[in-house]
Amino acid sequence: MKNTSKILTAGMGIMVLTILHHLYGAMIYDAPFRLHVVYFAVPVILLLWLTHWLYRRYGATAGGKAALVAFLLITIVVPVALIGLYEGGYNHVVKNVVYFGGASMQTMKRLYPSDLYEMPDDFIFESSGMLQFAAAIYAIATLLPLRNKSSG
């Protein structure tokens, strides 16, 4: 399964991007609580690398197959769903569309409470947030060929 290297690159790329995004956000908004993502993302990166390495090392054996399943589950749940779709999609893409689409501040505060969210006011922060969503779409595209192989 040669596609796993692309999946690894996509998953790790999303996690590195989210580290940079949250470090930047912690600095510009004086919000140290954003640093928790770094402590979460680094172990995920290590798990992605380890499970991918174990799969490549042990291939078609039971251990290799278990490593592949773990690798794919971690990739789908963390970089793709939690970071890419939720953090990048809802927290940034949807927020910017709603905000720049003219939603009232009351609607914005209901959707994005001010104790956790910043209204769009920094291009780099919002762009890097939305880039997480774009990277998740790429990751999904790299995962789709696996679905076709398993159904054939």
Protein backbone atom coordinates (compact mmCIF):
# COMPACT_ATOMS: atom_id res chain seq x y z
CA MET A 1 0.00 0.00 0.00
CA LYS A 2 2.19 2.80 -1.34
CA ASN A 3 -0.39 5.48 -0.56
CA THR A 4 0.39 5.35 3.17
CA SER A 5 3.41 7.65 2.78
CA LYS A 6 1.15 10.35 1.33
CA ILE A 7 -1.30 9.80 4.16
CA LEU A 8 1.53 10.10 6.69
CA THR A 9 2.74 13.33 5.09
CA ALA A 10 -0.79 14.77 5.12
CA GLY A 11 -1.49 13.77 8.72
CA MET A 12 1.83 14.98 10.07
CA GLY A 13 1.57 18.15 8.00
CA ILE A 14 -1.79 18.99 9.55
CA MET A 15 -0.38 18.43 13.04
CA VAL A 16 2.71 20.60 12.40
CA LEU A 17 0.48 23.30 10.91
CA THR A 18 -1.78 23.24 13.96
CA ILE A 19 1.24 23.57 16.27
CA LEU A 20 2.43 26.65 14.38
CA HIS A 21 -1.09 28.08 14.18
CA HIS A 22 -1.69 27.70 17.92
CA LEU A 23 1.75 28.99 18.90
CA TYR A 24 1.10 32.07 16.79
CA GLY A 25 -2.38 32.48 18.27
CA ALA A 26 -1.04 32.15 21.81
CA MET A 27 1.45 34.94 21.09
CA ILE A 28 -0.75 37.45 19.28
CA TYR A 29 -3.77 37.03 21.55
CA ASP A 30 -1.78 36.61 24.78
CA ALA A 31 -3.66 33.34 25.24
CA PRO A 32 -1.38 30.68 26.77
CA PHE A 33 -4.30 28.22 26.92
CA ARG A 34 -3.78 27.73 23.16
CA LEU A 35 -0.46 26.02 23.90
CA HIS A 36 -2.26 22.87 25.05
CA VAL A 37 -2.47 21.90 21.39
CA VAL A 38 1.32 21.59 21.22
CA TYR A 39 1.31 19.05 24.06
CA PHE A 40 -1.43 17.12 22.29
CA ALA A 41 -0.02 17.35 18.75
CA VAL A 42 3.54 16.17 19.41
CA PRO A 43 2.48 12.73 20.74
CA VAL A 44 0.06 12.39 17.81
CA ILE A 45 2.90 13.08 15.37
CA LEU A 46 5.03 10.45 17.10
CA LEU A 47 2.17 7.91 17.04
CA LEU A 48 1.54 8.54 13.35
CA TRP A 49 5.21 8.02 12.56
CA LEU A 50 5.51 4.92 14.78
CA THR A 51 2.40 3.16 13.51
CA HIS A 52 3.36 3.92 9.91
CA TRP A 53 6.88 2.62 10.51
CA LEU A 54 5.52 -0.56 12.14
CA TYR A 55 3.20 -1.12 9.21
CA ARG A 56 6.01 -0.62 6.68
CA ARG A 57 8.31 -2.86 8.72
CA TYR A 58 5.88 -5.74 9.35
CA GLY A 59 3.64 -5.44 6.27
CA ALA A 60 1.16 -8.27 5.78
CA THR A 61 1.75 -9.87 9.19
CA ALA A 62 -0.88 -9.58 11.92
CA GLY A 63 1.27 -6.94 13.64
CA GLY A 64 1.66 -4.99 10.42
CA LYS A 65 -2.07 -5.07 9.76
CA ALA A 66 -2.80 -3.93 13.33
CA ALA A 67 -0.31 -1.08 12.90
CA LEU A 68 -2.02 -0.07 9.64
CA VAL A 69 -5.44 -0.02 11.30
CA ALA A 70 -4.07 2.06 14.20
CA PHE A 71 -2.33 4.42 11.77
CA LEU A 72 -5.47 4.95 9.71
CA LEU A 73 -7.72 5.41 12.76
CA ILE A 74 -5.37 7.94 14.35
CA THR A 75 -5.11 9.81 11.03
CA ILE A 76 -8.86 9.92 10.45
CA VAL A 77 -9.80 10.88 14.01
CA VAL A 78 -7.12 13.40 14.97
CA PRO A 79 -5.55 15.27 12.02
CA VAL A 80 -8.52 14.90 9.68
CA ALA A 81 -11.64 15.10 11.89
CA LEU A 82 -10.58 16.97 15.04
CA ILE A 83 -8.01 19.35 13.59
CA GLY A 84 -8.88 19.65 9.91
CA LEU A 85 -12.65 19.48 9.84
CA TYR A 86 -13.54 20.86 13.28
CA GLU A 87 -10.68 23.25 14.08
CA GLY A 88 -10.00 24.32 10.50
CA GLY A 89 -13.51 23.93 9.11
CA TYR A 90 -15.82 25.14 11.86
CA ASN A 91 -13.46 27.30 13.90
CA HIS A 92 -12.02 29.13 10.89
CA VAL A 93 -13.67 28.52 7.50
CA VAL A 94 -17.26 28.71 8.76
CA LYS A 95 -16.41 31.54 11.19
CA ASN A 96 -14.92 33.65 8.40
CA VAL A 97 -17.76 32.92 5.97
CA VAL A 98 -20.37 33.85 8.57
CA TYR A 99 -18.46 36.90 9.80
CA PHE A 100 -17.61 38.34 6.38
CA GLY A 101 -21.04 37.28 5.13
CA GLY A 102 -22.49 39.94 7.40
CA ALA A 103 -23.76 38.03 10.44
CA SER A 104 -24.68 40.16 13.44
CA MET A 105 -22.27 40.30 16.36
CA GLN A 106 -25.00 38.63 18.45
CA THR A 107 -25.01 35.65 16.08
CA MET A 108 -21.21 35.53 16.06
CA LYS A 109 -21.02 35.54 19.86
CA ARG A 110 -23.62 32.78 20.06
CA LEU A 111 -21.71 30.61 17.57
CA TYR A 112 -18.24 31.63 18.79
CA PRO A 113 -18.21 32.61 22.50
CA SER A 114 -15.63 35.32 23.11
CA ASP A 115 -13.87 33.45 25.92
CA LEU A 116 -12.71 30.79 23.45
CA TYR A 117 -12.74 32.46 20.04
CA GLU A 118 -11.39 35.59 18.42
CA MET A 119 -13.32 37.38 15.73
CA PRO A 120 -11.37 37.50 12.46
CA ASP A 121 -8.80 40.26 12.92
CA ASP A 122 -5.49 38.68 11.94
CA PHE A 123 -4.86 37.45 8.40
CA ILE A 124 -2.06 35.01 9.32
CA PHE A 125 -4.02 33.44 12.17
CA GLU A 126 -7.20 33.01 10.15
CA SER A 127 -5.35 31.85 7.01
CA SER A 128 -3.33 29.24 8.88
CA GLY A 129 -6.54 28.11 10.58
CA MET A 130 -8.33 27.71 7.25
CA LEU A 131 -5.29 25.96 5.78
CA GLN A 132 -5.87 23.16 8.31
CA PHE A 133 -9.20 22.54 6.60
CA ALA A 134 -7.64 22.51 3.13
CA ALA A 135 -4.98 20.08 4.35
CA ALA A 136 -7.71 17.80 5.73
CA ILE A 137 -9.40 17.75 2.32
CA TYR A 138 -6.07 16.67 0.81
CA ALA A 139 -5.72 13.99 3.50
CA ILE A 140 -9.22 12.72 2.73
CA ALA A 141 -8.30 12.56 -0.96
CA THR A 142 -5.26 10.42 -0.07
CA LEU A 143 -7.44 8.13 2.06
CA LEU A 144 -10.18 7.57 -0.55
CA PRO A 145 -8.19 5.13 -2.73
CA LEU A 146 -8.01 2.80 0.30
CA ARG A 147 -11.80 2.61 0.35
CA ASN A 148 -11.85 1.49 -3.28
CA LYS A 149 -9.24 -1.22 -2.61
CA SER A 150 -11.13 -2.62 0.38
CA SER A 151 -14.47 -2.77 -1.48
CA GLY A 152 -13.02 -4.53 -4.54
